C-alpha atoms as a PDB file:
ATOM      1  CA  UNK A   1     205.854  45.145  87.566  1.00  0.00           C
ATOM      2  CA  UNK A   2     208.418  42.909  89.556  1.00  0.00           C
ATOM      3  CA  UNK A   3     207.157  40.436  92.473  1.00  0.00           C
ATOM      4  CA  UNK A   4     207.655  41.366  95.825  1.00  0.00           C
ATOM      5  CA  UNK A   5     209.548  38.316  97.412  1.00  0.00           C
ATOM      6  CA  UNK A   6     210.041  37.556 101.398  1.00  0.00           C
ATOM      7  CA  UNK A   7     211.458  34.629 103.065  1.00  0.00           C
ATOM      8  CA  UNK A   8     209.778  33.041 106.133  1.00  0.00           C
ATOM      9  CA  UNK A   9     210.670  30.589 108.424  1.00  0.00           C
ATOM     10  CA  UNK A  10     208.113  28.087 110.590  1.00  0.00           C
ATOM     11  CA  UNK A  11     208.560  28.813 114.059  1.00  0.00           C
ATOM     12  CA  UNK A  12     207.411  25.348 114.532  1.00  0.00           C
ATOM     13  CA  UNK A  13     209.415  23.554 111.988  1.00  0.00           C
ATOM     14  CA  UNK A  14     212.339  26.064 111.032  1.00  0.00           C
ATOM     15  CA  UNK A  15     211.555  25.532 107.427  1.00  0.00           C
ATOM     16  CA  UNK A  16     212.538  28.496 105.593  1.00  0.00           C
ATOM     17  CA  UNK A  17     210.173  29.466 102.657  1.00  0.00           C
ATOM     18  CA  UNK A  18     210.160  31.726 100.287  1.00  0.00           C
ATOM     19  CA  UNK A  19     206.629  34.112  98.804  1.00  0.00           C
ATOM     20  CA  UNK A  20     205.957  36.377  96.323  1.00  0.00           C
ATOM     21  CA  UNK A  21     203.388  39.091  96.374  1.00  0.00           C
ATOM     22  CA  UNK A  22     201.570  37.636  92.502  1.00  0.00           C
ATOM     23  CA  UNK A  23     198.077  39.741  93.014  1.00  0.00           C
ATOM     24  CA  UNK A  24     197.652  43.350  94.141  1.00  0.00           C
ATOM     25  CA  UNK A  25     194.205  43.938  95.507  1.00  0.00           C
ATOM     26  CA  UNK A  26     192.728  45.400  92.970  1.00  0.00           C
ATOM     27  CA  UNK A  27     193.360  42.067  90.807  1.00  0.00           C
ATOM     28  CA  UNK A  28     191.765  40.266  93.658  1.00  0.00           C
ATOM     29  CA  UNK A  29     188.950  42.421  94.102  1.00  0.00           C
ATOM     30  CA  UNK A  30     187.875  42.746  90.634  1.00  0.00           C
ATOM     31  CA  UNK A  31     188.375  38.850  90.367  1.00  0.00           C
ATOM     32  CA  UNK A  32     186.264  37.841  92.934  1.00  0.00           C
ATOM     33  CA  UNK A  33     183.352  40.414  92.289  1.00  0.00           C
ATOM     34  CA  UNK A  34     183.554  39.779  88.543  1.00  0.00           C
ATOM     35  CA  UNK A  35     183.160  36.593  89.205  1.00  0.00           C
ATOM     36  CA  UNK A  36     179.931  36.806  90.824  1.00  0.00           C
ATOM     37  CA  UNK A  37     178.354  38.998  88.424  1.00  0.00           C
ATOM     38  CA  UNK A  38     179.256  36.599  85.740  1.00  0.00           C
ATOM     39  CA  UNK A  39     177.575  33.449  87.272  1.00  0.00           C
ATOM     40  CA  UNK A  40     174.488  35.528  87.987  1.00  0.00           C
ATOM     41  CA  UNK A  41     174.937  37.046  84.122  1.00  0.00           C
ATOM     42  CA  UNK A  42     175.004  33.120  82.676  1.00  0.00           C
ATOM     43  CA  UNK A  43     172.212  31.928  85.292  1.00  0.00           C
ATOM     44  CA  UNK A  44     169.804  34.714  84.444  1.00  0.00           C
ATOM     45  CA  UNK A  45     171.026  34.275  80.755  1.00  0.00           C
ATOM     46  CA  UNK A  46     169.913  31.012  80.394  1.00  0.00           C
ATOM     47  CA  UNK A  47     166.481  31.979  82.143  1.00  0.00           C
ATOM     48  CA  UNK A  48     165.788  34.851  79.384  1.00  0.00           C
ATOM     49  CA  UNK A  49     167.212  31.883  76.754  1.00  0.00           C
ATOM     50  CA  UNK A  50     164.300  29.557  78.156  1.00  0.00           C
ATOM     51  CA  UNK A  51     161.631  31.849  76.952  1.00  0.00           C
ATOM     52  CA  UNK A  52     162.601  31.278  73.606  1.00  0.00           C
ATOM     53  CA  UNK A  53     165.463  28.482  73.356  1.00  0.00           C
ATOM     54  CA  UNK A  54     165.598  28.278  69.711  1.00  0.00           C
ATOM     55  CA  UNK A  55     167.646  30.480  66.642  1.00  0.00           C
ATOM     56  CA  UNK A  56     165.039  29.319  64.160  1.00  0.00           C
ATOM     57  CA  UNK A  57     162.081  30.348  62.993  1.00  0.00           C
ATOM     58  CA  UNK A  58     159.113  30.928  65.706  1.00  0.00           C
ATOM     59  CA  UNK A  59     156.896  29.120  63.577  1.00  0.00           C
ATOM     60  CA  UNK A  60     157.390  26.307  63.708  1.00  0.00           C
ATOM     61  CA  UNK A  61     159.107  26.607  66.449  1.00  0.00           C
ATOM     62  CA  UNK A  62     162.198  23.827  67.266  1.00  0.00           C
ATOM     63  CA  UNK A  63     164.195  24.365  70.279  1.00  0.00           C
ATOM     64  CA  UNK A  64     167.574  24.180  70.245  1.00  0.00           C
ATOM     65  CA  UNK A  65     168.072  22.387  73.926  1.00  0.00           C
ATOM     66  CA  UNK A  66     166.033  22.018  77.002  1.00  0.00           C
ATOM     67  CA  UNK A  67     167.819  24.140  79.863  1.00  0.00           C
ATOM     68  CA  UNK A  68     166.807  22.708  83.326  1.00  0.00           C
ATOM     69  CA  UNK A  69     164.615  25.780  85.360  1.00  0.00           C
ATOM     70  CA  UNK A  70     166.878  24.659  88.497  1.00  0.00           C
ATOM     71  CA  UNK A  71     170.292  25.992  86.543  1.00  0.00           C
ATOM     72  CA  UNK A  72     168.683  29.273  85.689  1.00  0.00           C
ATOM     73  CA  UNK A  73     168.169  32.399  87.601  1.00  0.00           C
ATOM     74  CA  UNK A  74     165.077  34.864  87.766  1.00  0.00           C
ATOM     75  CA  UNK A  75     161.897  32.418  87.322  1.00  0.00           C
ATOM     76  CA  UNK A  76     160.265  34.107  84.223  1.00  0.00           C
ATOM     77  CA  UNK A  77     161.669  36.008  81.752  1.00  0.00           C
ATOM     78  CA  UNK A  78     160.799  39.532  83.368  1.00  0.00           C
ATOM     79  CA  UNK A  79     162.786  37.954  86.811  1.00  0.00           C
ATOM     80  CA  UNK A  80     165.554  37.225  84.425  1.00  0.00           C
ATOM     81  CA  UNK A  81     166.163  40.467  82.458  1.00  0.00           C
ATOM     82  CA  UNK A  82     166.010  42.043  86.072  1.00  0.00           C
ATOM     83  CA  UNK A  83     168.858  39.868  87.346  1.00  0.00           C
ATOM     84  CA  UNK A  84     170.728  40.095  83.941  1.00  0.00           C
ATOM     85  CA  UNK A  85     170.141  43.946  83.342  1.00  0.00           C
ATOM     86  CA  UNK A  86     171.473  45.031  87.179  1.00  0.00           C
ATOM     87  CA  UNK A  87     174.606  42.832  87.247  1.00  0.00           C
ATOM     88  CA  UNK A  88     175.862  43.954  83.661  1.00  0.00           C
ATOM     89  CA  UNK A  89     176.456  47.356  85.476  1.00  0.00           C
ATOM     90  CA  UNK A  90     178.861  45.597  87.682  1.00  0.00           C
ATOM     91  CA  UNK A  91     180.278  43.407  84.994  1.00  0.00           C
ATOM     92  CA  UNK A  92     181.343  46.369  82.761  1.00  0.00           C
ATOM     93  CA  UNK A  93     182.341  48.797  85.792  1.00  0.00           C
ATOM     94  CA  UNK A  94     184.272  45.915  87.252  1.00  0.00           C
ATOM     95  CA  UNK A  95     185.988  45.365  84.130  1.00  0.00           C
ATOM     96  CA  UNK A  96     186.648  48.956  83.255  1.00  0.00           C
ATOM     97  CA  UNK A  97     188.109  49.436  86.607  1.00  0.00           C
ATOM     98  CA  UNK A  98     190.264  46.230  86.002  1.00  0.00           C
ATOM     99  CA  UNK A  99     191.694  47.315  82.560  1.00  0.00           C
ATOM    100  CA  UNK A 100     192.532  50.519  84.054  1.00  0.00           C
ATOM    101  CA  UNK A 101     194.371  49.386  86.851  1.00  0.00           C
ATOM    102  CA  UNK A 102     196.268  47.254  84.492  1.00  0.00           C
ATOM    103  CA  UNK A 103     197.147  49.779  82.404  1.00  0.00           C
ATOM    104  CA  UNK A 104     198.475  52.655  84.596  1.00  0.00           C
ATOM    105  CA  UNK A 105     200.126  50.536  87.048  1.00  0.00           C
ATOM    106  CA  UNK A 106     202.052  48.340  84.226  1.00  0.00           C
ATOM    107  CA  UNK A 107     201.004  45.037  85.752  1.00  0.00           C
ATOM    108  CA  UNK A 108     199.587  43.833  82.580  1.00  0.00           C
ATOM    109  CA  UNK A 109     202.878  42.595  81.252  1.00  0.00           C
ATOM    110  CA  UNK A 110     202.232  40.095  84.145  1.00  0.00           C
ATOM    111  CA  UNK A 111     199.066  38.692  81.810  1.00  0.00           C
ATOM    112  CA  UNK A 112     199.607  40.063  78.332  1.00  0.00           C
ATOM    113  CA  UNK A 113     199.991  37.813  75.527  1.00  0.00           C
ATOM    114  CA  UNK A 114     203.084  38.864  73.429  1.00  0.00           C
ATOM    115  CA  UNK A 115     204.423  37.790  70.390  1.00  0.00           C
ATOM    116  CA  UNK A 116     207.855  36.255  72.266  1.00  0.00           C
ATOM    117  CA  UNK A 117     205.039  34.268  74.000  1.00  0.00           C
ATOM    118  CA  UNK A 118     204.051  32.125  70.845  1.00  0.00           C
ATOM    119  CA  UNK A 119     206.775  29.579  70.916  1.00  0.00           C
ATOM    120  CA  UNK A 120     206.129  28.765  74.835  1.00  0.00           C
ATOM    121  CA  UNK A 121     202.845  27.782  73.553  1.00  0.00           C
ATOM    122  CA  UNK A 122     203.433  24.367  72.492  1.00  0.00           C
ATOM    123  CA  UNK A 123     205.580  23.311  74.964  1.00  0.00           C
ATOM    124  CA  UNK A 124     203.183  24.034  77.851  1.00  0.00           C
ATOM    125  CA  UNK A 125     200.380  22.601  75.475  1.00  0.00           C
ATOM    126  CA  UNK A 126     202.843  19.069  74.763  1.00  0.00           C
ATOM    127  CA  UNK A 127     202.963  18.768  78.697  1.00  0.00           C
ATOM    128  CA  UNK A 128     198.906  19.197  79.905  1.00  0.00           C
ATOM    129  CA  UNK A 129     197.515  17.347  76.924  1.00  0.00           C
ATOM    130  CA  UNK A 130     200.223  14.910  75.840  1.00  0.00           C
ATOM    131  CA  UNK A 131     201.924  14.049  78.887  1.00  0.00           C
ATOM    132  CA  UNK A 132     205.509  15.862  77.590  1.00  0.00           C
ATOM    133  CA  UNK A 133     208.288  16.903  79.424  1.00  0.00           C
ATOM    134  CA  UNK A 134     207.430  19.586  81.980  1.00  0.00           C
ATOM    135  CA  UNK A 135     208.637  23.480  80.744  1.00  0.00           C
ATOM    136  CA  UNK A 136     210.506  25.271  83.347  1.00  0.00           C
ATOM    137  CA  UNK A 137     208.736  28.060  84.571  1.00  0.00           C
ATOM    138  CA  UNK A 138     210.198  31.369  84.447  1.00  0.00           C
ATOM    139  CA  UNK A 139     207.414  34.124  85.120  1.00  0.00           C
ATOM    140  CA  UNK A 140     204.057  34.228  87.084  1.00  0.00           C
ATOM    141  CA  UNK A 141     201.796  33.191  84.310  1.00  0.00           C
ATOM    142  CA  UNK A 142     203.205  30.522  81.682  1.00  0.00           C
ATOM    143  CA  UNK A 143     202.345  31.324  77.798  1.00  0.00           C
ATOM    144  CA  UNK A 144     199.131  29.003  77.635  1.00  0.00           C
ATOM    145  CA  UNK A 145     197.760  30.899  80.609  1.00  0.00           C
ATOM    146  CA  UNK A 146     198.713  34.387  79.283  1.00  0.00           C
ATOM    147  CA  UNK A 147     197.007  33.365  75.694  1.00  0.00           C
ATOM    148  CA  UNK A 148     193.859  32.084  77.884  1.00  0.00           C
ATOM    149  CA  UNK A 149     193.989  34.932  80.176  1.00  0.00           C
ATOM    150  CA  UNK A 150     194.260  37.211  77.014  1.00  0.00           C
ATOM    151  CA  UNK A 151     191.584  35.923  74.661  1.00  0.00           C
ATOM    152  CA  UNK A 152     188.858  35.856  77.682  1.00  0.00           C
ATOM    153  CA  UNK A 153     189.453  39.720  78.200  1.00  0.00           C
ATOM    154  CA  UNK A 154     188.516  40.157  74.019  1.00  0.00           C
ATOM    155  CA  UNK A 155     185.609  37.374  74.896  1.00  0.00           C
ATOM    156  CA  UNK A 156     184.565  39.971  77.646  1.00  0.00           C
ATOM    157  CA  UNK A 157     184.517  42.660  75.320  1.00  0.00           C
ATOM    158  CA  UNK A 158     182.417  40.321  72.777  1.00  0.00           C
ATOM    159  CA  UNK A 159     179.792  39.708  75.304  1.00  0.00           C
ATOM    160  CA  UNK A 160     179.370  43.149  75.966  1.00  0.00           C
ATOM    161  CA  UNK A 161     179.073  44.525  72.305  1.00  0.00           C
ATOM    162  CA  UNK A 162     176.888  41.109  71.742  1.00  0.00           C
ATOM    163  CA  UNK A 163     174.535  41.796  74.728  1.00  0.00           C
ATOM    164  CA  UNK A 164     174.326  45.661  73.588  1.00  0.00           C
ATOM    165  CA  UNK A 165     172.692  44.747  70.217  1.00  0.00           C
ATOM    166  CA  UNK A 166     170.316  41.972  71.281  1.00  0.00           C
ATOM    167  CA  UNK A 167     169.192  44.350  74.178  1.00  0.00           C
ATOM    168  CA  UNK A 168     169.177  47.512  72.061  1.00  0.00           C
ATOM    169  CA  UNK A 169     168.887  46.421  68.579  1.00  0.00           C
ATOM    170  CA  UNK A 170     166.889  49.957  67.011  1.00  0.00           C
ATOM    171  CA  UNK A 171     169.179  52.113  69.103  1.00  0.00           C
ATOM    172  CA  UNK A 172     172.434  50.291  68.205  1.00  0.00           C
ATOM    173  CA  UNK A 173     171.443  49.249  64.968  1.00  0.00           C
ATOM    174  CA  UNK A 174     174.878  49.935  62.958  1.00  0.00           C
ATOM    175  CA  UNK A 175     176.362  47.442  65.898  1.00  0.00           C
ATOM    176  CA  UNK A 176     173.761  44.943  64.918  1.00  0.00           C
ATOM    177  CA  UNK A 177     174.635  45.134  61.516  1.00  0.00           C
ATOM    178  CA  UNK A 178     178.032  44.551  61.991  1.00  0.00           C
ATOM    179  CA  UNK A 179     177.038  41.237  63.549  1.00  0.00           C
ATOM    180  CA  UNK A 180     175.151  40.195  60.624  1.00  0.00           C
ATOM    181  CA  UNK A 181     171.480  41.495  62.126  1.00  0.00           C
ATOM    182  CA  UNK A 182     169.625  41.019  64.954  1.00  0.00           C
ATOM    183  CA  UNK A 183     169.463  37.383  64.742  1.00  0.00           C
ATOM    184  CA  UNK A 184     173.025  36.815  64.118  1.00  0.00           C
ATOM    185  CA  UNK A 185     173.996  39.138  67.475  1.00  0.00           C
ATOM    186  CA  UNK A 186     171.804  36.639  69.457  1.00  0.00           C
ATOM    187  CA  UNK A 187     173.887  33.323  68.426  1.00  0.00           C
ATOM    188  CA  UNK A 188     176.912  35.161  68.918  1.00  0.00           C
ATOM    189  CA  UNK A 189     175.713  36.344  72.215  1.00  0.00           C
ATOM    190  CA  UNK A 190     174.933  32.763  73.264  1.00  0.00           C
ATOM    191  CA  UNK A 191     178.667  31.462  71.993  1.00  0.00           C
ATOM    192  CA  UNK A 192     180.547  34.045  73.605  1.00  0.00           C
ATOM    193  CA  UNK A 193     178.940  32.697  76.868  1.00  0.00           C
ATOM    194  CA  UNK A 194     179.641  29.204  75.986  1.00  0.00           C
ATOM    195  CA  UNK A 195     183.330  30.014  75.372  1.00  0.00           C
ATOM    196  CA  UNK A 196     183.699  31.739  78.806  1.00  0.00           C
ATOM    197  CA  UNK A 197     182.017  28.965  80.448  1.00  0.00           C
ATOM    198  CA  UNK A 198     184.878  26.438  78.763  1.00  0.00           C
ATOM    199  CA  UNK A 199     187.434  29.157  80.082  1.00  0.00           C
ATOM    200  CA  UNK A 200     185.958  28.899  83.526  1.00  0.00           C
ATOM    201  CA  UNK A 201     185.954  24.630  83.294  1.00  0.00           C
ATOM    202  CA  UNK A 202     189.745  24.580  82.149  1.00  0.00           C
ATOM    203  CA  UNK A 203     190.435  27.539  84.510  1.00  0.00           C
ATOM    204  CA  UNK A 204     188.843  25.523  87.824  1.00  0.00           C
ATOM    205  CA  UNK A 205     190.505  22.446  86.363  1.00  0.00           C
ATOM    206  CA  UNK A 206     194.211  24.309  86.363  1.00  0.00           C
ATOM    207  CA  UNK A 207     193.600  25.746  90.076  1.00  0.00           C
ATOM    208  CA  UNK A 208     192.780  22.058  91.141  1.00  0.00           C
ATOM    209  CA  UNK A 209     196.020  20.613  89.814  1.00  0.00           C
ATOM    210  CA  UNK A 210     198.486  23.301  90.833  1.00  0.00           C
ATOM    211  CA  UNK A 211     197.446  22.889  94.593  1.00  0.00           C
ATOM    212  CA  UNK A 212     195.822  25.074  97.525  1.00  0.00           C
ATOM    213  CA  UNK A 213     198.912  27.580  97.710  1.00  0.00           C
ATOM    214  CA  UNK A 214     197.634  28.598  94.458  1.00  0.00           C
ATOM    215  CA  UNK A 215     194.024  29.270  95.415  1.00  0.00           C
ATOM    216  CA  UNK A 216     194.786  31.244  98.356  1.00  0.00           C
ATOM    217  CA  UNK A 217     197.182  33.318  96.389  1.00  0.00           C
ATOM    218  CA  UNK A 218     194.013  34.989  94.646  1.00  0.00           C
ATOM    219  CA  UNK A 219     192.857  35.586  98.374  1.00  0.00           C
ATOM    220  CA  UNK A 220     195.700  36.572 100.188  1.00  0.00           C
ATOM    221  CA  UNK A 221     198.193  38.080  96.893  1.00  0.00           C
ATOM    222  CA  UNK A 222     201.034  36.116  98.304  1.00  0.00           C
ATOM    223  CA  UNK A 223     202.149  32.659  96.953  1.00  0.00           C
ATOM    224  CA  UNK A 224     204.361  30.205  98.858  1.00  0.00           C
ATOM    225  CA  UNK A 225     207.534  28.556  96.745  1.00  0.00           C
ATOM    226  CA  UNK A 226     206.454  29.248  93.268  1.00  0.00           C
ATOM    227  CA  UNK A 227     208.278  27.525  90.716  1.00  0.00           C
ATOM    228  CA  UNK A 228     209.753  30.348  88.941  1.00  0.00           C
ATOM    229  CA  UNK A 229     211.618  31.059  92.102  1.00  0.00           C
ATOM    230  CA  UNK A 230     213.031  27.488  92.784  1.00  0.00           C
ATOM    231  CA  UNK A 231     216.425  27.628  93.061  1.00  0.00           C
ATOM    232  CA  UNK A 232     216.766  31.239  93.555  1.00  0.00           C
ATOM    233  CA  UNK A 233     218.274  33.671  96.119  1.00  0.00           C
ATOM    234  CA  UNK A 234     216.199  36.403  97.582  1.00  0.00           C
ATOM    235  CA  UNK A 235     217.344  39.320  95.947  1.00  0.00           C
ATOM    236  CA  UNK A 236     217.250  42.010  98.841  1.00  0.00           C
ATOM    237  CA  UNK A 237     214.473  42.790 101.454  1.00  0.00           C
ATOM    238  CA  UNK A 238     215.077  46.137 100.722  1.00  0.00           C
ATOM    239  CA  UNK A 239     212.558  45.355  97.739  1.00  0.00           C
ATOM    240  CA  UNK A 240     209.574  44.288 100.665  1.00  0.00           C
ATOM    241  CA  UNK A 241     210.420  47.402 102.678  1.00  0.00           C
ATOM    242  CA  UNK A 242     209.953  49.525  99.752  1.00  0.00           C
ATOM    243  CA  UNK A 243     206.967  48.232  98.270  1.00  0.00           C
ATOM    244  CA  UNK A 244     204.797  46.197 100.700  1.00  0.00           C
ATOM    245  CA  UNK A 245     204.429  47.781 104.683  1.00  0.00           C
ATOM    246  CA  UNK A 246     203.926  45.441 107.461  1.00  0.00           C
ATOM    247  CA  UNK A 247     200.325  45.727 107.201  1.00  0.00           C
ATOM    248  CA  UNK A 248     200.022  44.423 103.993  1.00  0.00           C
ATOM    249  CA  UNK A 249     202.322  40.924 104.812  1.00  0.00           C
ATOM    250  CA  UNK A 250     199.530  38.204 105.728  1.00  0.00           C
ATOM    251  CA  UNK A 251     201.767  35.910 107.428  1.00  0.00           C
ATOM    252  CA  UNK A 252     199.388  33.805 109.103  1.00  0.00           C
ATOM    253  CA  UNK A 253     197.650  33.071 105.893  1.00  0.00           C
ATOM    254  CA  UNK A 254     201.125  32.061 104.589  1.00  0.00           C
ATOM    255  CA  UNK A 255     201.539  29.411 107.156  1.00  0.00           C
ATOM    256  CA  UNK A 256     198.146  28.116 108.085  1.00  0.00           C
ATOM    257  CA  UNK A 257     195.997  27.729 111.143  1.00  0.00           C
ATOM    258  CA  UNK A 258     198.506  25.228 113.202  1.00  0.00           C
ATOM    259  CA  UNK A 259     201.608  27.049 112.320  1.00  0.00           C
ATOM    260  CA  UNK A 260     203.207  30.809 112.394  1.00  0.00           C
ATOM    261  CA  UNK A 261     205.859  32.545 110.668  1.00  0.00           C
ATOM    262  CA  UNK A 262     208.271  35.244 111.082  1.00  0.00           C
ATOM    263  CA  UNK A 263     210.062  37.534 108.415  1.00  0.00           C
ATOM    264  CA  UNK A 264     213.777  36.479 108.185  1.00  0.00           C
ATOM    265  CA  UNK A 265     215.485  40.191 108.238  1.00  0.00           C
ATOM    266  CA  UNK A 266     218.507  40.333 105.433  1.00  0.00           C
ATOM    267  CA  UNK A 267     221.170  40.444 108.173  1.00  0.00           C
ATOM    268  CA  UNK A 268     221.255  40.021 112.316  1.00  0.00           C
ATOM    269  CA  UNK A 269     222.726  43.279 113.247  1.00  0.00           C
ATOM    270  CA  UNK A 270     223.333  41.721 116.771  1.00  0.00           C
ATOM    271  CA  UNK A 271     224.990  38.714 114.869  1.00  0.00           C
ATOM    272  CA  UNK A 272     228.655  39.734 114.295  1.00  0.00           C
ATOM    273  CA  UNK A 273     228.236  42.401 117.567  1.00  0.00           C
ATOM    274  CA  UNK A 274     231.204  41.299 119.960  1.00  0.00           C
ATOM    275  CA  UNK A 275     229.884  43.272 122.867  1.00  0.00           C
ATOM    276  CA  UNK A 276     226.513  41.081 122.925  1.00  0.00           C
ATOM    277  CA  UNK A 277     229.031  38.131 124.151  1.00  0.00           C
ATOM    278  CA  UNK A 278     231.211  40.397 126.556  1.00  0.00           C
ATOM    279  CA  UNK A 279     233.918  40.567 124.411  1.00  0.00           C
ATOM    280  CA  UNK A 280     235.965  43.566 123.495  1.00  0.00           C
ATOM    281  CA  UNK A 281     237.764  44.419 120.113  1.00  0.00           C
ATOM    282  CA  UNK A 282     240.913  42.180 119.341  1.00  0.00           C
ATOM    283  CA  UNK A 283     244.135  44.824 119.356  1.00  0.00           C
ATOM    284  CA  UNK A 284     245.936  43.947 115.917  1.00  0.00           C
ATOM    285  CA  UNK A 285     249.148  45.037 118.016  1.00  0.00           C
ATOM    286  CA  UNK A 286     248.126  42.575 120.782  1.00  0.00           C
ATOM    287  CA  UNK A 287     249.464  39.031 120.769  1.00  0.00           C
ATOM    288  CA  UNK A 288     245.459  38.259 123.034  1.00  0.00           C
ATOM    289  CA  UNK A 289     242.397  38.850 122.885  1.00  0.00           C
ATOM    290  CA  UNK A 290     242.293  41.330 125.913  1.00  0.00           C
ATOM    291  CA  UNK A 291     242.193  44.508 123.970  1.00  0.00           C
ATOM    292  CA  UNK A 292     245.240  46.137 125.691  1.00  0.00           C
ATOM    293  CA  UNK A 293     248.682  46.673 124.730  1.00  0.00           C
ATOM    294  CA  UNK A 294     252.010  46.145 126.433  1.00  0.00           C
ATOM    295  CA  UNK A 295     253.443  48.920 127.974  1.00  0.00           C
END
């Protein structure tokens, strides 16, 4: 799926910038709704864990950790379960909606990690963690981002499967057996939650490092001056006119509160029109520009 591109000019400064439509509304909707559902489930999950904060024997009980009550949701075991089991439907429903859109729209190509991305992972790791040279950006997501986003989809699936095994250990006994039993299913569920938390931490750090435009692109869909467009020419205004109606163009969001932007047309139809300046077309047979020939 190609990204729609436009050029915008600041009326105030006259600076021309490029903007790419990176995130369709479905992706943005699922991103924010699933973020809320995930945070509620993590907080309520810690409340459930507080009821028995151990993975060992009940007698004698040795607590793994004492999670602060202030960072748990629900107040008690029953309250935590109610929050958890209510938002799990939002979590699962949003995930299925997102996956369905990605598959049927073809947008999954933007984010899916493939074998061709393997060799591009190390240069990005070298840049972020070992202060190496910055790799050239060629796509919306670099190979490391693709690896992270593809992996977190797998973690999301595991969180649901392990959660079912813990929630319904009798009805889904076969699923619990695959995971090593109820005890191990509970451990896997807890481990997957921490893996998702570490992903969220890294995700937020990367958003902060890449600037405000990276954050607002998940609100408006548009990103100004993405690195993979630096030094490239706008391929044609027909892309915008074909794929995106004017009502979907948030020019105010691209400019900010104190500036306004207008879309640049690919060609000004009046720029080369001699009639606009009161000039008649020049006759090739005429020596002057009067447009009349000698008789």
